[in-house]
Amino acid sequence: MHVACLAGFFTFNWHAFWVFVTLQWITGALGICLCYHRLLTHRSFELWKPLEYLMALFGCLAWQNGPIKWVAIHRLHHARSDQPNDPHSPTRGFWWAHMGWLFAFDEELDEYERYRTYAPDLDKDPVYRFLNATHGLWQFILAILLYLWGGLPFVVWGVVIRTVFMWHATWLVNSASHKWGYRIWATGDQSTNNWWVALLTYGEGWHNNHHAFLRSAAHGLNWWELDATYFTIRTLATLRLAWNIQLPSPQQRQRLARAPAAVAA
């Protein structure tokens, strides 16, 4: 996929570029950040069920595993954050956290009968079991539709480059946002708030905030911390499609507050 991105130099046109931008938002912002992460992993809010399933399908199109496996791995990360058995931690090196861990077989993470135990709520749902089993196929269906619509440029920019871009944006939350940035909350791990990762990931880079308050639908908790995903959640709530939105209470904030320790981002 990375090598195939070189085809972008020979297939660029503005229509293909805007296909990239639109699908990157649909699969990354809605599929991964909003649905896979804040909704399915942490239950930060509730969403109208048909829309929830649609956004989970968008998450499948990001090619970052099916919803059950993605959620299971992320829950394990929080349970063991920056400990020796964390699935992806910079304590084993930046590149291990960024992408090296993906190439290491781990039966706890790679065997369905093992990892489904960490997402039993999703495993009970036949729709999520179906999406988890078929997640890799939806990308090929999308590629065929894009080829019929706009030819090879749409496939290269709408599938290949978009997927690789979103892979690295997501992986930077695991790597850069545990290494560079500033810390406001005493979380017992190395999570940081990183502004440039937040820009790439629709607010996911405010990672120290997230580790402090796992169920918070908002990751940007200060006025300067732009959080596009939370803005989307609030918009859905205005449309009465989302509800029961979780936010940290003043008591929770006070309990975890610490003197800010700024680190150059």
Protein backbone atom coordinates (compact mmCIF):
# COMPACT_ATOMS: atom_id res chain seq x y z
CA MET A 1 0.00 0.00 0.00
CA HIS A 2 2.82 2.42 0.81
CA VAL A 3 4.60 1.73 -2.48
CA ALA A 4 1.30 2.05 -4.35
CA CYS A 5 1.00 5.61 -3.02
CA LEU A 6 3.69 6.58 -5.53
CA ALA A 7 1.00 6.26 -8.19
CA GLY A 8 -0.48 9.43 -6.75
CA PHE A 9 2.15 11.48 -8.60
CA PHE A 10 0.85 10.15 -11.92
CA THR A 11 -2.89 10.09 -11.23
CA PHE A 12 -3.51 13.40 -9.48
CA ASN A 13 -6.46 15.53 -10.45
CA TRP A 14 -8.62 17.79 -8.31
CA HIS A 15 -11.65 15.55 -8.47
CA ALA A 16 -9.57 12.65 -7.11
CA PHE A 17 -8.13 14.91 -4.41
CA TRP A 18 -11.57 15.87 -3.14
CA VAL A 19 -12.57 12.20 -3.15
CA PHE A 20 -9.54 11.65 -0.88
CA VAL A 21 -10.56 14.51 1.44
CA THR A 22 -14.20 13.40 1.67
CA LEU A 23 -13.49 9.70 2.24
CA GLN A 24 -10.71 10.51 4.69
CA TRP A 25 -13.27 12.40 6.79
CA ILE A 26 -15.94 9.71 6.44
CA THR A 27 -13.68 6.78 7.30
CA GLY A 28 -11.31 8.54 9.69
CA ALA A 29 -13.35 11.15 11.52
CA LEU A 30 -16.69 9.32 11.55
CA GLY A 31 -15.59 5.69 11.25
CA ILE A 32 -12.56 5.54 13.54
CA CYS A 33 -12.52 8.60 15.81
CA LEU A 34 -16.24 8.97 16.47
CA CYS A 35 -17.56 5.41 16.10
CA TYR A 36 -14.82 2.85 16.76
CA HIS A 37 -13.16 4.94 19.46
CA ARG A 38 -15.48 7.24 21.37
CA LEU A 39 -18.72 5.33 20.79
CA LEU A 40 -17.88 1.62 20.65
CA THR A 41 -14.75 1.48 22.81
CA HIS A 42 -15.65 3.96 25.54
CA ARG A 43 -19.42 4.42 25.20
CA SER A 44 -18.97 8.16 25.55
CA PHE A 45 -22.45 8.73 24.14
CA GLU A 46 -25.35 6.86 22.57
CA LEU A 47 -26.24 7.01 18.89
CA TRP A 48 -29.30 6.11 16.86
CA LYS A 49 -28.65 2.43 16.13
CA PRO A 50 -28.95 2.44 12.31
CA LEU A 51 -26.52 5.38 12.18
CA GLU A 52 -24.19 3.58 14.60
CA TYR A 53 -24.04 0.56 12.28
CA LEU A 54 -23.45 2.80 9.24
CA MET A 55 -20.55 4.55 10.97
CA ALA A 56 -19.10 1.19 12.00
CA LEU A 57 -19.12 0.27 8.31
CA PHE A 58 -17.22 3.51 7.65
CA GLY A 59 -14.71 2.31 10.24
CA CYS A 60 -14.27 -0.96 8.34
CA LEU A 61 -13.36 1.10 5.26
CA ALA A 62 -10.39 2.55 7.18
CA TRP A 63 -8.83 -0.95 7.04
CA GLN A 64 -7.77 -0.89 10.68
CA ASN A 65 -9.45 -4.20 11.61
CA GLY A 66 -13.07 -5.00 12.29
CA PRO A 67 -14.92 -3.27 15.12
CA ILE A 68 -14.61 -6.10 17.66
CA LYS A 69 -10.84 -6.48 17.23
CA TRP A 70 -10.18 -2.71 17.11
CA VAL A 71 -12.16 -2.12 20.28
CA ALA A 72 -10.56 -5.08 22.08
CA ILE A 73 -7.02 -3.88 21.30
CA HIS A 74 -7.80 -0.34 22.40
CA ARG A 75 -9.39 -1.45 25.65
CA LEU A 76 -6.29 -3.53 26.38
CA HIS A 77 -4.14 -0.46 25.70
CA HIS A 78 -6.00 1.49 28.36
CA ALA A 79 -5.98 -1.36 30.85
CA ARG A 80 -2.18 -1.73 30.51
CA SER A 81 -1.15 1.71 29.31
CA ASP A 82 2.64 1.99 28.95
CA GLN A 83 3.13 -1.21 30.91
CA PRO A 84 5.16 -4.16 29.53
CA ASN A 85 2.05 -5.89 28.14
CA ASP A 86 0.56 -2.78 26.53
CA PRO A 87 -0.13 -3.76 22.88
CA HIS A 88 1.59 -0.57 21.65
CA SER A 89 3.72 1.61 23.90
CA PRO A 90 6.72 3.87 23.17
CA THR A 91 8.45 2.25 26.15
CA ARG A 92 9.51 -0.34 23.54
CA GLY A 93 10.53 2.34 21.07
CA PHE A 94 8.77 4.94 18.96
CA TRP A 95 8.50 2.77 15.85
CA TRP A 96 7.21 -0.17 17.83
CA ALA A 97 4.36 2.01 19.13
CA HIS A 98 3.77 3.53 15.72
CA MET A 99 3.58 0.40 13.57
CA GLY A 100 6.02 -2.32 14.65
CA TRP A 101 3.50 -3.96 16.98
CA LEU A 102 1.27 -4.71 13.99
CA PHE A 103 3.80 -7.21 12.62
CA ALA A 104 4.18 -9.22 15.83
CA PHE A 105 1.78 -12.16 16.19
CA ASP A 106 0.04 -12.20 19.55
CA GLU A 107 -2.63 -14.83 20.09
CA GLU A 108 -4.34 -12.54 22.61
CA LEU A 109 -4.81 -9.93 19.88
CA ASP A 110 -4.97 -12.06 16.74
CA GLU A 111 -7.19 -15.01 17.70
CA TYR A 112 -10.88 -14.19 17.68
CA GLU A 113 -11.77 -16.47 20.57
CA ARG A 114 -9.26 -14.56 22.73
CA TYR A 115 -9.76 -10.93 21.75
CA ARG A 116 -13.56 -11.10 21.65
CA THR A 117 -13.55 -11.51 25.44
CA TYR A 118 -12.38 -7.89 25.70
CA ALA A 119 -15.37 -6.63 23.71
CA PRO A 120 -18.24 -8.87 24.89
CA ASP A 121 -20.80 -6.11 24.34
CA LEU A 122 -20.00 -6.03 20.62
CA ASP A 123 -19.55 -9.79 20.33
CA LYS A 124 -23.19 -10.25 21.40
CA ASP A 125 -24.38 -8.20 18.43
CA PRO A 126 -24.71 -10.21 15.17
CA VAL A 127 -24.20 -7.04 13.09
CA TYR A 128 -20.82 -6.42 14.69
CA ARG A 129 -19.83 -10.06 14.34
CA PHE A 130 -20.68 -9.81 10.63
CA LEU A 131 -18.74 -6.56 10.16
CA ASN A 132 -15.78 -7.95 12.07
CA ALA A 133 -15.68 -11.05 9.86
CA THR A 134 -16.09 -9.15 6.58
CA HIS A 135 -14.32 -5.86 7.30
CA GLY A 136 -11.59 -6.46 4.72
CA LEU A 137 -14.04 -6.95 1.84
CA TRP A 138 -15.76 -3.57 1.98
CA GLN A 139 -12.66 -1.76 0.78
CA PHE A 140 -12.64 -3.78 -2.45
CA ILE A 141 -16.31 -3.01 -3.03
CA LEU A 142 -15.55 0.68 -2.56
CA ALA A 143 -12.56 0.44 -4.94
CA ILE A 144 -14.76 -1.07 -7.67
CA LEU A 145 -17.36 1.66 -7.25
CA LEU A 146 -14.71 4.38 -7.35
CA TYR A 147 -13.15 2.87 -10.47
CA LEU A 148 -16.51 2.84 -12.22
CA TRP A 149 -17.08 6.46 -11.18
CA GLY A 150 -13.70 8.08 -11.81
CA GLY A 151 -11.23 5.48 -13.01
CA LEU A 152 -7.78 4.77 -11.57
CA PRO A 153 -7.21 8.24 -10.05
CA PHE A 154 -10.25 7.81 -7.80
CA VAL A 155 -8.99 4.40 -6.65
CA VAL A 156 -5.45 5.63 -5.96
CA TRP A 157 -6.53 8.74 -4.06
CA GLY A 158 -9.81 7.45 -2.61
CA VAL A 159 -8.48 4.11 -1.39
CA VAL A 160 -4.69 3.79 -1.39
CA ILE A 161 -3.48 7.24 -0.34
CA ARG A 162 -6.48 7.86 1.90
CA THR A 163 -5.97 4.56 3.74
CA VAL A 164 -2.23 5.02 4.27
CA PHE A 165 -2.72 8.61 5.43
CA MET A 166 -5.31 7.52 7.99
CA TRP A 167 -3.16 4.62 9.16
CA HIS A 168 -0.31 6.96 10.09
CA ALA A 169 -2.60 9.57 11.58
CA THR A 170 -4.11 6.92 13.87
CA TRP A 171 -0.73 5.39 14.72
CA LEU A 172 0.61 8.82 15.72
CA VAL A 173 -1.88 8.81 18.59
CA ASN A 174 -0.19 5.62 19.85
CA SER A 175 3.35 6.89 19.30
CA ALA A 176 3.69 10.70 19.25
CA SER A 177 0.90 11.29 21.78
CA HIS A 178 2.73 9.12 24.30
CA LYS A 179 6.04 10.89 23.70
CA TRP A 180 5.72 14.59 22.82
CA GLY A 181 3.36 17.23 24.15
CA TYR A 182 2.17 18.54 27.47
CA ARG A 183 0.49 16.88 30.44
CA ILE A 184 -2.26 18.37 32.57
CA TRP A 185 -3.56 15.29 34.37
CA ALA A 186 -1.85 12.74 36.61
CA THR A 187 -2.71 9.57 34.72
CA GLY A 188 0.11 7.20 35.67
CA ASP A 189 1.19 6.71 32.06
CA GLN A 190 3.06 8.71 29.40
CA SER A 191 0.05 10.10 27.52
CA THR A 192 0.42 13.69 26.31
CA ASN A 193 -1.66 16.38 24.63
CA ASN A 194 -0.18 16.93 21.19
CA TRP A 195 -1.67 19.74 19.09
CA TRP A 196 -0.47 18.62 15.66
CA VAL A 197 -1.66 15.05 16.18
CA ALA A 198 -5.02 16.50 17.27
CA LEU A 199 -5.22 18.42 14.00
CA LEU A 200 -4.53 15.27 11.97
CA THR A 201 -7.00 13.13 13.92
CA TYR A 202 -9.99 15.38 14.57
CA GLY A 203 -9.17 15.87 18.26
CA GLU A 204 -7.71 12.48 19.19
CA GLY A 205 -4.31 13.99 19.92
CA TRP A 206 -5.52 15.50 23.21
CA HIS A 207 -4.46 12.17 24.59
CA ASN A 208 -3.58 13.03 28.17
CA ASN A 209 -7.09 14.44 28.53
CA HIS A 210 -8.48 11.21 27.11
CA HIS A 211 -6.45 8.94 29.40
CA ALA A 212 -7.58 10.98 32.37
CA PHE A 213 -11.28 10.74 31.50
CA LEU A 214 -11.83 7.67 29.34
CA ARG A 215 -15.58 8.05 28.95
CA SER A 216 -15.50 11.73 28.09
CA ALA A 217 -16.99 12.41 24.67
CA ALA A 218 -14.84 15.56 24.54
CA HIS A 219 -11.07 15.11 24.32
CA GLY A 220 -10.36 18.80 23.96
CA LEU A 221 -11.12 20.10 27.46
CA ASN A 222 -9.58 23.57 27.24
CA TRP A 223 -10.60 26.48 25.02
CA TRP A 224 -7.51 26.14 22.80
CA GLU A 225 -7.91 22.37 22.26
CA LEU A 226 -9.84 22.07 19.01
CA ASP A 227 -11.86 18.83 18.93
CA ALA A 228 -13.71 18.36 15.66
CA THR A 229 -15.05 14.95 16.68
CA TYR A 230 -16.75 16.37 19.75
CA PHE A 231 -18.22 19.14 17.62
CA THR A 232 -19.69 16.43 15.38
CA ILE A 233 -21.14 14.63 18.41
CA ARG A 234 -22.76 17.85 19.62
CA THR A 235 -24.20 18.41 16.13
CA LEU A 236 -25.68 14.90 16.16
CA ALA A 237 -27.16 15.64 19.59
CA THR A 238 -28.78 18.81 18.23
CA LEU A 239 -30.35 16.66 15.52
CA ARG A 240 -31.56 14.25 18.24
CA LEU A 241 -29.44 11.44 16.82
CA ALA A 242 -27.05 11.30 19.80
CA TRP A 243 -27.68 11.52 23.53
CA ASN A 244 -26.32 10.61 26.98
CA ILE A 245 -23.08 12.47 26.24
CA GLN A 246 -20.45 11.88 28.93
CA LEU A 247 -18.20 14.68 30.23
CA PRO A 248 -15.88 14.81 33.27
CA SER A 249 -17.36 16.34 36.39
CA PRO A 250 -15.60 19.13 38.33
CA GLN A 251 -14.85 16.58 41.06
CA GLN A 252 -13.17 14.24 38.57
CA ARG A 253 -11.11 17.10 37.18
CA GLN A 254 -9.98 18.16 40.63
CA ARG A 255 -9.01 14.61 41.59
CA LEU A 256 -6.64 14.21 38.62
CA ALA A 257 -5.40 17.80 38.33
CA ARG A 258 -1.65 18.29 38.45
CA ALA A 259 0.72 21.16 37.87
CA PRO A 260 1.21 21.33 34.08
CA ALA A 261 4.53 19.88 32.97
CA ALA A 262 5.16 21.31 29.53
CA VAL A 263 7.21 19.26 27.11
CA ALA A 264 8.22 20.62 23.71
CA ALA A 265 5.87 19.19 21.10
